[in-house]
Amino acid sequence: MSIIQFPKDMKWGTATASYQIEGATKEDGRGQTIWDTFSKTPGNVLNGDNGDVACNSYHRYEEDVQIMKELGIDVYRFSVAWSRIFPEGNGEVNQKGLDYYHRLIDELLANGIEPMCTLYHWDLPQALQDKGGWNNRETIDAFVNYAETMFKEFSGKINYWLTLNEPWCISFLSNYIGVHAPGNQDLQLATQISHHLLLAHGETVKKFRDLNIKGEIGFAPNTTWLEPFSNQQEDIDACKREVAWYVEWFMDPVFKGEYPSFMVDWFKKKGVELVIEDGDMEAINQPIDFLGINYYTGHVARYKENEGLLDWEMVEMNYDRTDIGWPIFPQGFYNVLTHITESYGKVPIYITENGSCYNDEPENGRVKDDGRINYLQQHLTALSGAIKSGVNVKGYLTWSLMDNFEWAEGYSKRFGIVHVNYRTLERTKKDSYYWFKQTIENNWFEN
């Protein structure tokens, strides 16, 4: 057995998102979102599930904070439902929405837990989607106005802010692949939206600085890693393109003020041309205080002409898979973190999401989720190696605190370290919860 030790100042936490856990979608003035619309359109979500009730955390947040306190976390990452603050996306502020987040944040602070706030985790107000959504540059202005409201309201209470969660999913998964809200399938549209998202991020960071808000701000891209099947250049290039679609496409503009030229050229080959207005790249290229990184899975891959958008195919290596079917590839976690550090320097990094889907159910009041414990062990071991290799990791937040509405998969996939009975809403701490609690207490584990 080897001991995996972490830095003394390592912050530990868990993460959730508003539409996935809150429920109460029609209460206290909340406006409708694209996920309300999408989930209630037949065929979009497995079993016709939606987030109307979810985990009912809107009403049970005190219980959930006590679960976190017992876990011993330092940081809780949650997202705000934009439509609770501005039901129409802009216009009149909904005080009851602000009041809810004050209650939640006050409860966290009273229990010694630092709030980390994600301003946008996919639930765009439907009123803004009706006007073109993220393809309409007016949505950028509405987002900055919403962010300014939040900054002023919660200054002094929230010290860690994230503008966007997983811009690749907001743009390409939702508007090109089309499996998430709003469900478009248009590469030009999705690519333009990716630019508008980065612009919304940059303008929000500028606003944060202009207001002289105390605290730190960043964003949370999702990442993956493809390991080339061979040292053939076409295999290496194919894997580089896929990683760059997640990493360089969203990080180069923020850190370098430009899009990666090889990806711009690739998209041009596909008939896609970005519309970039004067001043856009300067606005995006704002210094950030930290980078959130979400990582779940990766593959071994090789070049295959005309396979998908980026001309690659997965090579089946018979890795173990989680219950959502994703290969368990902790080496990819190490590789993508060291790649980011090599590309952008020692930017402070919080792992804002990392976790696994296992659908274990309670037996005699206990949830034995050994698969999840193994996954966490493997990925935290890889993370420790990345830290030893010079990656500036400040904290690790596992996804997720509790089972929840898993987007297009509905309630069929469980990522939580706390089990939720969706009929009774009873919470049951899983074995992984107790393993994670011990790891936090010790700041190490045996592997």
Protein backbone atom coordinates (compact mmCIF):
# COMPACT_ATOMS: atom_id res chain seq x y z
CA MET A 1 0.00 0.00 0.00
CA SER A 2 1.22 3.51 -0.83
CA ILE A 3 0.14 6.70 0.95
CA ILE A 4 -1.25 9.43 -1.32
CA GLN A 5 -0.73 12.74 0.46
CA PHE A 6 -2.03 16.20 -0.50
CA PRO A 7 -0.75 19.72 0.21
CA LYS A 8 -1.67 21.07 3.65
CA ASP A 9 -3.69 23.95 2.18
CA MET A 10 -5.69 21.74 -0.21
CA LYS A 11 -9.38 22.70 -0.24
CA TRP A 12 -11.94 19.90 -0.47
CA GLY A 13 -15.50 20.16 -1.63
CA THR A 14 -18.48 18.96 -3.62
CA ALA A 15 -20.52 20.49 -6.41
CA THR A 16 -24.12 20.71 -7.69
CA ALA A 17 -26.15 22.75 -10.18
CA SER A 18 -29.42 24.62 -9.73
CA TYR A 19 -31.67 22.84 -12.24
CA GLN A 20 -30.33 19.45 -11.18
CA ILE A 21 -31.18 19.74 -7.48
CA GLU A 22 -33.41 22.68 -6.61
CA GLY A 23 -36.87 21.80 -7.92
CA ALA A 24 -39.49 24.45 -7.02
CA THR A 25 -39.50 25.52 -10.66
CA LYS A 26 -42.75 27.45 -10.38
CA GLU A 27 -42.22 28.96 -6.92
CA ASP A 28 -41.31 32.43 -5.65
CA GLY A 29 -41.30 34.10 -9.05
CA ARG A 30 -38.80 31.90 -10.87
CA GLY A 31 -39.07 32.26 -14.64
CA GLN A 32 -39.04 29.42 -17.13
CA THR A 33 -35.73 28.17 -18.54
CA ILE A 34 -34.63 26.34 -21.66
CA TRP A 35 -34.37 23.17 -19.56
CA ASP A 36 -38.00 23.45 -18.46
CA THR A 37 -38.96 23.67 -22.13
CA PHE A 38 -36.52 21.03 -23.39
CA SER A 39 -37.29 18.43 -20.72
CA LYS A 40 -41.03 18.71 -21.34
CA THR A 41 -40.68 18.17 -25.08
CA PRO A 42 -41.34 14.45 -25.72
CA GLY A 43 -38.28 12.43 -26.68
CA ASN A 44 -35.64 14.79 -25.29
CA VAL A 45 -35.12 13.32 -21.81
CA LEU A 46 -35.12 9.66 -20.81
CA ASN A 47 -38.48 8.56 -19.34
CA GLY A 48 -39.85 12.08 -19.84
CA ASP A 49 -38.13 13.18 -16.62
CA ASN A 50 -37.79 16.86 -15.70
CA GLY A 51 -36.44 19.05 -12.90
CA ASP A 52 -39.74 20.23 -11.42
CA VAL A 53 -38.98 18.52 -8.11
CA ALA A 54 -35.46 17.14 -8.58
CA CYS A 55 -33.96 16.78 -5.06
CA ASN A 56 -36.19 19.58 -3.70
CA SER A 57 -33.06 21.24 -2.36
CA TYR A 58 -34.84 24.60 -2.62
CA HIS A 59 -36.80 23.52 0.47
CA ARG A 60 -34.29 21.08 1.96
CA TYR A 61 -31.10 23.13 1.71
CA GLU A 62 -30.63 23.20 5.49
CA GLU A 63 -30.60 19.39 5.60
CA ASP A 64 -28.19 19.32 2.66
CA VAL A 65 -25.82 21.81 4.32
CA GLN A 66 -25.76 19.61 7.45
CA ILE A 67 -24.78 16.66 5.25
CA MET A 68 -21.93 18.80 3.89
CA LYS A 69 -20.87 19.90 7.36
CA GLU A 70 -20.64 16.29 8.53
CA LEU A 71 -18.64 15.49 5.40
CA GLY A 72 -16.12 18.11 6.47
CA ILE A 73 -15.81 20.01 3.20
CA ASP A 74 -14.18 23.43 2.89
CA VAL A 75 -15.98 24.56 -0.27
CA TYR A 76 -19.42 23.99 -1.81
CA ARG A 77 -19.85 24.83 -5.46
CA PHE A 78 -23.44 25.57 -6.46
CA SER A 79 -25.01 27.43 -9.36
CA VAL A 80 -27.59 30.18 -9.34
CA ALA A 81 -30.72 29.88 -11.45
CA TRP A 82 -30.55 33.07 -13.52
CA SER A 83 -34.36 32.95 -13.91
CA ARG A 84 -34.82 33.14 -10.12
CA ILE A 85 -33.03 36.51 -10.17
CA PHE A 86 -34.37 37.81 -13.50
CA PRO A 87 -37.42 35.73 -14.52
CA GLU A 88 -37.26 37.21 -18.05
CA GLY A 89 -33.47 37.25 -18.18
CA ASN A 90 -33.31 40.98 -17.53
CA GLY A 91 -35.64 43.75 -16.36
CA GLU A 92 -37.06 43.60 -12.85
CA VAL A 93 -35.06 41.83 -10.14
CA ASN A 94 -36.98 39.09 -8.30
CA GLN A 95 -36.25 39.71 -4.61
CA LYS A 96 -37.52 36.28 -3.55
CA GLY A 97 -34.85 34.68 -5.72
CA LEU A 98 -32.11 36.74 -4.10
CA ASP A 99 -33.57 35.91 -0.69
CA TYR A 100 -33.29 32.16 -1.36
CA TYR A 101 -29.59 32.39 -2.21
CA HIS A 102 -28.98 34.59 0.84
CA ARG A 103 -30.54 31.88 3.01
CA LEU A 104 -28.44 29.17 1.38
CA ILE A 105 -25.18 31.15 1.57
CA ASP A 106 -25.81 32.25 5.16
CA GLU A 107 -26.40 28.60 6.10
CA LEU A 108 -23.14 27.58 4.42
CA LEU A 109 -21.15 30.33 6.13
CA ALA A 110 -22.71 29.54 9.52
CA ASN A 111 -21.42 25.98 9.10
CA GLY A 112 -17.92 26.97 8.06
CA ILE A 113 -18.34 26.18 4.35
CA GLU A 114 -17.01 28.54 1.68
CA PRO A 115 -19.53 29.16 -1.15
CA MET A 116 -18.22 28.91 -4.73
CA CYS A 117 -20.84 30.35 -7.06
CA THR A 118 -21.31 29.37 -10.70
CA LEU A 119 -23.30 32.09 -12.43
CA TYR A 120 -24.33 29.96 -15.41
CA HIS A 121 -24.82 26.20 -15.39
CA TRP A 122 -26.94 25.82 -18.55
CA ASP A 123 -30.40 27.06 -17.43
CA LEU A 124 -30.86 30.08 -19.72
CA PRO A 125 -34.11 31.97 -19.16
CA GLN A 126 -36.53 30.90 -21.88
CA ALA A 127 -37.43 34.55 -22.58
CA LEU A 128 -33.86 35.13 -23.79
CA GLN A 129 -33.85 31.94 -25.87
CA ASP A 130 -37.00 33.22 -27.58
CA LYS A 131 -34.90 36.17 -28.78
CA GLY A 132 -32.08 34.00 -30.14
CA GLY A 133 -30.43 32.85 -26.94
CA TRP A 134 -26.64 32.88 -26.89
CA ASN A 135 -26.57 33.54 -30.64
CA ASN A 136 -27.96 37.02 -29.90
CA ARG A 137 -25.29 39.39 -28.57
CA GLU A 138 -27.96 41.06 -26.42
CA THR A 139 -27.84 37.93 -24.24
CA ILE A 140 -24.23 38.84 -23.41
CA ASP A 141 -25.40 42.22 -22.09
CA ALA A 142 -28.19 40.56 -20.10
CA PHE A 143 -25.68 38.12 -18.57
CA VAL A 144 -23.29 40.88 -17.54
CA ASN A 145 -26.21 42.77 -15.96
CA TYR A 146 -27.26 39.62 -14.07
CA ALA A 147 -23.65 39.04 -12.95
CA GLU A 148 -23.33 42.64 -11.76
CA THR A 149 -26.49 42.22 -9.69
CA MET A 150 -25.06 39.09 -8.09
CA PHE A 151 -21.64 40.66 -7.45
CA LYS A 152 -23.15 43.66 -5.68
CA GLU A 153 -25.71 41.60 -3.74
CA PHE A 154 -23.29 38.98 -2.43
CA SER A 155 -20.05 40.94 -2.19
CA GLY A 156 -18.38 39.92 1.07
CA LYS A 157 -20.29 36.65 1.27
CA ILE A 158 -19.04 34.92 -1.88
CA ASN A 159 -15.29 34.99 -2.54
CA TYR A 160 -15.13 32.48 -5.40
CA TRP A 161 -17.02 33.09 -8.64
CA LEU A 162 -17.24 31.09 -11.87
CA THR A 163 -18.78 32.72 -14.91
CA LEU A 164 -19.64 29.65 -17.02
CA ASN A 165 -19.77 25.93 -16.50
CA GLU A 166 -18.60 23.81 -19.45
CA PRO A 167 -18.88 26.21 -22.39
CA TRP A 168 -18.25 23.27 -24.76
CA CYS A 169 -21.52 21.72 -23.56
CA ILE A 170 -23.42 25.03 -23.74
CA SER A 171 -22.30 25.54 -27.33
CA PHE A 172 -21.43 22.32 -29.15
CA LEU A 173 -23.27 19.64 -27.17
CA SER A 174 -26.43 21.76 -27.03
CA ASN A 175 -26.40 23.46 -30.44
CA TYR A 176 -24.44 21.11 -32.73
CA ILE A 177 -24.85 17.61 -31.32
CA GLY A 178 -28.21 18.74 -29.95
CA VAL A 179 -28.72 16.37 -27.02
CA HIS A 180 -29.00 19.19 -24.46
CA ALA A 181 -31.22 22.26 -24.37
CA PRO A 182 -32.09 24.01 -26.62
CA GLY A 183 -31.40 21.03 -28.89
CA ASN A 184 -30.15 22.66 -32.10
CA GLN A 185 -27.98 20.80 -34.65
CA ASP A 186 -26.05 23.49 -36.47
CA LEU A 187 -22.25 23.67 -36.42
CA GLN A 188 -22.06 27.30 -37.53
CA LEU A 189 -24.55 28.30 -34.84
CA ALA A 190 -22.76 26.31 -32.13
CA THR A 191 -19.35 27.72 -33.05
CA GLN A 192 -20.63 31.30 -33.04
CA ILE A 193 -22.28 30.66 -29.67
CA SER A 194 -18.94 29.43 -28.30
CA HIS A 195 -17.49 32.83 -29.17
CA HIS A 196 -20.39 34.71 -27.59
CA LEU A 197 -20.00 32.65 -24.41
CA LEU A 198 -16.33 33.57 -24.16
CA LEU A 199 -17.24 37.19 -24.73
CA ALA A 200 -19.87 37.00 -21.96
CA HIS A 201 -17.18 35.52 -19.71
CA GLY A 202 -14.65 38.25 -20.55
CA GLU A 203 -17.11 41.12 -20.16
CA THR A 204 -18.20 39.69 -16.80
CA VAL A 205 -14.62 39.48 -15.56
CA LYS A 206 -14.15 43.12 -16.64
CA LYS A 207 -17.26 44.10 -14.71
CA PHE A 208 -16.00 42.20 -11.64
CA ARG A 209 -12.73 44.21 -11.78
CA ASP A 210 -14.49 47.52 -12.47
CA LEU A 211 -16.70 47.04 -9.41
CA ASN A 212 -13.60 46.19 -7.33
CA ILE A 213 -15.34 43.13 -5.90
CA LYS A 214 -13.36 41.29 -3.25
CA GLY A 215 -12.59 37.71 -4.20
CA GLU A 216 -11.54 35.63 -7.18
CA ILE A 217 -13.13 34.86 -10.54
CA GLY A 218 -12.63 32.23 -13.23
CA PHE A 219 -14.55 29.78 -15.39
CA ALA A 220 -14.95 26.00 -15.55
CA PRO A 221 -14.37 24.31 -18.93
CA ASN A 222 -14.86 20.58 -19.28
CA THR A 223 -11.86 18.63 -20.51
CA THR A 224 -11.03 15.25 -21.94
CA TRP A 225 -7.89 13.46 -23.06
CA LEU A 226 -7.29 11.32 -26.14
CA GLU A 227 -4.10 9.27 -26.13
CA PRO A 228 -2.82 8.51 -29.66
CA PHE A 229 -2.98 4.83 -30.64
CA SER A 230 0.40 5.12 -32.36
CA ASN A 231 3.15 7.63 -33.02
CA GLN A 232 1.82 8.17 -36.55
CA GLN A 233 1.37 11.89 -37.12
CA GLU A 234 -2.21 11.52 -38.28
CA ASP A 235 -3.11 9.74 -35.01
CA ILE A 236 -1.34 12.41 -32.95
CA ASP A 237 -3.09 15.21 -34.88
CA ALA A 238 -6.52 13.59 -34.57
CA CYS A 239 -6.17 13.34 -30.79
CA LYS A 240 -4.80 16.89 -30.62
CA ARG A 241 -7.91 18.19 -32.42
CA GLU A 242 -10.33 16.50 -30.04
CA VAL A 243 -8.52 17.71 -26.91
CA ALA A 244 -8.28 21.21 -28.40
CA TRP A 245 -12.02 21.30 -29.09
CA TYR A 246 -12.47 21.27 -25.31
CA VAL A 247 -9.24 22.87 -24.06
CA GLU A 248 -7.49 25.22 -26.50
CA TRP A 249 -10.69 26.41 -28.20
CA PHE A 250 -11.94 27.86 -24.90
CA MET A 251 -8.65 28.53 -23.08
CA ASP A 252 -6.46 30.07 -25.80
CA PRO A 253 -8.78 33.10 -26.22
CA VAL A 254 -8.84 33.65 -22.43
CA PHE A 255 -5.11 33.18 -21.84
CA LYS A 256 -3.63 34.19 -25.22
CA GLY A 257 -6.26 36.41 -26.83
CA GLU A 258 -6.63 34.23 -29.93
CA TYR A 259 -8.25 31.03 -31.16
CA PRO A 260 -5.95 28.09 -32.01
CA SER A 261 -5.21 28.53 -35.72
CA PHE A 262 -5.27 24.81 -36.52
CA MET A 263 -8.80 24.57 -35.17
CA VAL A 264 -9.92 27.74 -36.97
CA ASP A 265 -8.59 26.18 -40.19
CA TRP A 266 -10.35 22.89 -39.44
CA PHE A 267 -13.69 24.60 -38.87
CA LYS A 268 -13.21 26.57 -42.11
CA LYS A 269 -12.82 23.26 -43.93
CA LYS A 270 -16.23 22.38 -42.48
CA GLY A 271 -17.72 25.62 -43.79
CA VAL A 272 -17.70 27.46 -40.47
CA GLU A 273 -16.53 31.04 -40.18
CA LEU A 274 -16.55 32.90 -36.86
CA VAL A 275 -17.90 36.45 -36.78
CA ILE A 276 -15.52 38.34 -34.47
CA GLU A 277 -16.21 42.04 -33.96
CA ASP A 278 -13.61 44.68 -33.15
CA GLY A 279 -12.62 44.48 -29.50
CA ASP A 280 -14.01 40.99 -28.91
CA MET A 281 -10.68 39.22 -28.42
CA GLU A 282 -9.34 41.95 -26.11
CA ALA A 283 -12.51 41.62 -24.01
CA ILE A 284 -12.15 37.85 -23.77
CA ASN A 285 -8.45 38.06 -22.90
CA GLN A 286 -9.00 39.21 -19.29
CA PRO A 287 -6.70 37.88 -16.56
CA ILE A 288 -8.56 35.36 -14.38
CA ASP A 289 -7.71 34.39 -10.82
CA PHE A 290 -8.22 30.66 -11.15
CA LEU A 291 -9.32 28.00 -13.59
CA GLY A 292 -12.01 25.44 -12.84
CA ILE A 293 -11.40 22.07 -14.49
CA ASN A 294 -14.05 19.38 -15.00
CA TYR A 295 -12.78 15.94 -15.99
CA TYR A 296 -14.55 12.59 -16.19
CA THR A 297 -13.17 10.40 -18.95
CA GLY A 298 -10.84 9.92 -21.91
CA HIS A 299 -9.90 7.37 -24.57
CA VAL A 300 -7.21 5.93 -26.78
CA ALA A 301 -7.96 7.00 -30.35
CA ARG A 302 -6.65 7.02 -33.90
CA TYR A 303 -7.25 8.88 -37.13
CA LYS A 304 -10.19 7.82 -39.28
CA GLU A 305 -11.14 9.89 -42.28
CA ASN A 306 -14.66 11.37 -42.20
CA GLU A 307 -15.38 9.90 -38.76
CA GLY A 308 -17.36 12.54 -36.88
CA LEU A 309 -16.44 16.19 -36.99
CA LEU A 310 -12.74 15.74 -36.22
CA ASP A 311 -11.80 12.52 -38.08
CA TRP A 312 -10.98 10.10 -35.27
CA GLU A 313 -12.26 6.85 -33.81
CA MET A 314 -11.90 5.33 -30.38
CA VAL A 315 -9.73 2.24 -30.04
CA GLU A 316 -11.36 -0.12 -27.55
CA MET A 317 -8.84 -0.92 -24.80
CA ASN A 318 -11.38 -2.65 -22.54
CA TYR A 319 -10.98 -0.13 -19.75
CA ASP A 320 -13.47 -0.49 -16.94
CA ARG A 321 -16.50 1.74 -17.49
CA THR A 322 -18.86 3.51 -15.16
CA ASP A 323 -22.62 2.94 -15.32
CA ILE A 324 -23.02 5.76 -17.85
CA GLY A 325 -20.63 3.90 -20.15
CA TRP A 326 -17.63 6.23 -19.88
CA PRO A 327 -14.16 4.63 -19.79
CA ILE A 328 -12.22 5.08 -16.56
CA PHE A 329 -9.03 6.80 -17.68
CA PRO A 330 -7.23 8.50 -14.75
CA GLN A 331 -4.03 8.87 -16.77
CA GLY A 332 -5.98 11.28 -18.97
CA PHE A 333 -6.68 13.41 -15.88
CA TYR A 334 -2.95 13.70 -15.21
CA ASN A 335 -2.19 14.32 -18.88
CA VAL A 336 -4.74 17.08 -19.42
CA LEU A 337 -3.70 18.90 -16.23
CA THR A 338 0.00 18.84 -17.12
CA HIS A 339 -0.88 19.84 -20.71
CA ILE A 340 -2.83 22.88 -19.46
CA THR A 341 0.07 23.89 -17.19
CA GLU A 342 2.58 23.51 -20.01
CA SER A 343 0.33 25.60 -22.28
CA TYR A 344 -0.71 28.42 -19.94
CA GLY A 345 1.71 28.42 -17.02
CA LYS A 346 1.04 27.67 -13.38
CA VAL A 347 -2.48 29.08 -13.28
CA PRO A 348 -4.24 28.20 -10.00
CA ILE A 349 -6.60 25.29 -10.67
CA TYR A 350 -9.61 24.00 -8.79
CA ILE A 351 -10.96 20.65 -9.88
CA THR A 352 -14.57 21.84 -10.01
CA GLU A 353 -16.01 18.49 -11.14
CA ASN A 354 -14.69 14.94 -11.10
CA GLY A 355 -16.82 11.93 -10.30
CA SER A 356 -18.50 8.82 -11.58
CA CYS A 357 -21.87 7.25 -12.28
CA TYR A 358 -22.74 4.12 -10.32
CA ASN A 359 -26.37 3.23 -9.82
CA ASP A 360 -26.04 1.31 -6.54
CA GLU A 361 -29.19 1.26 -4.42
CA PRO A 362 -29.51 1.06 -0.62
CA GLU A 363 -29.53 -2.39 0.97
CA ASN A 364 -30.43 -2.43 4.66
CA GLY A 365 -29.81 1.31 4.79
CA ARG A 366 -26.33 1.13 3.27
CA VAL A 367 -25.18 2.00 -0.25
CA LYS A 368 -22.07 0.00 -1.14
CA ASP A 369 -20.61 1.91 -4.09
CA ASP A 370 -17.13 0.40 -4.29
CA GLY A 371 -16.88 1.40 -7.94
CA ARG A 372 -17.12 5.08 -7.05
CA ILE A 373 -14.52 4.73 -4.27
CA ASN A 374 -12.13 3.05 -6.73
CA TYR A 375 -12.75 5.81 -9.28
CA LEU A 376 -12.04 8.52 -6.70
CA GLN A 377 -8.90 6.73 -5.51
CA GLN A 378 -7.58 6.41 -9.05
CA HIS A 379 -8.29 10.03 -10.00
CA LEU A 380 -7.00 11.50 -6.75
CA THR A 381 -3.83 9.44 -7.22
CA ALA A 382 -3.46 10.92 -10.72
CA LEU A 383 -4.15 14.37 -9.28
CA SER A 384 -1.43 13.90 -6.65
CA GLY A 385 0.99 13.01 -9.45
CA ALA A 386 -0.02 16.16 -11.34
CA ILE A 387 0.60 18.28 -8.23
CA LYS A 388 4.04 16.65 -7.80
CA SER A 389 4.67 17.49 -11.47
CA GLY A 390 4.06 21.19 -10.87
CA VAL A 391 0.35 21.64 -11.58
CA ASN A 392 -0.91 24.41 -9.27
CA VAL A 393 -3.95 22.61 -7.81
CA LYS A 394 -5.71 24.56 -5.05
CA GLY A 395 -8.69 22.29 -4.44
CA TYR A 396 -10.71 19.26 -5.44
CA LEU A 397 -14.52 19.22 -5.63
CA THR A 398 -16.17 15.93 -6.43
CA TRP A 399 -19.30 15.66 -8.55
CA SER A 400 -21.72 15.38 -7.01
CA LEU A 401 -22.93 15.94 -3.47
CA MET A 402 -26.06 13.91 -4.23
CA ASP A 403 -27.83 12.01 -6.98
CA ASN A 404 -29.79 14.41 -9.14
CA PHE A 405 -31.43 15.18 -12.48
CA GLU A 406 -28.76 14.05 -14.93
CA TRP A 407 -29.87 16.19 -17.89
CA ALA A 408 -30.85 14.10 -20.94
CA GLU A 409 -30.43 10.93 -18.84
CA GLY A 410 -33.14 12.11 -16.42
CA TYR A 411 -33.01 10.30 -13.09
CA SER A 412 -31.49 7.11 -14.52
CA LYS A 413 -27.84 7.94 -13.72
CA ARG A 414 -26.50 8.50 -10.22
CA PHE A 415 -23.34 10.57 -9.65
CA GLY A 416 -23.84 11.45 -5.98
CA ILE A 417 -21.91 10.43 -2.88
CA VAL A 418 -25.33 10.75 -1.22
CA HIS A 419 -28.20 8.60 -2.52
CA VAL A 420 -31.55 10.30 -3.16
CA ASN A 421 -34.78 8.31 -3.19
CA TYR A 422 -36.69 10.27 -5.85
CA ARG A 423 -40.04 9.12 -4.51
CA THR A 424 -39.52 10.08 -0.85
CA LEU A 425 -36.51 12.43 -1.34
CA GLU A 426 -34.76 10.66 1.54
CA ARG A 427 -30.99 11.17 1.56
CA THR A 428 -28.70 8.20 2.35
CA LYS A 429 -24.94 8.66 2.69
CA LYS A 430 -23.09 6.17 0.51
CA ASP A 431 -19.90 4.32 1.39
CA SER A 432 -18.09 6.77 -0.92
CA TYR A 433 -19.33 9.63 1.29
CA TYR A 434 -17.62 8.08 4.31
CA TRP A 435 -14.48 7.30 2.31
CA PHE A 436 -14.32 10.90 1.06
CA LYS A 437 -14.96 12.21 4.59
CA GLN A 438 -11.99 10.23 5.89
CA THR A 439 -9.79 11.41 3.03
CA ILE A 440 -10.68 15.05 3.82
CA GLU A 441 -9.99 14.56 7.53
CA ASN A 442 -6.62 12.92 6.88
CA ASN A 443 -5.64 14.83 3.73
CA TRP A 444 -4.35 11.46 2.53
CA PHE A 445 -5.46 7.92 1.78
CA GLU A 446 -3.92 4.51 1.28
CA ASN A 447 -3.91 3.30 -2.31
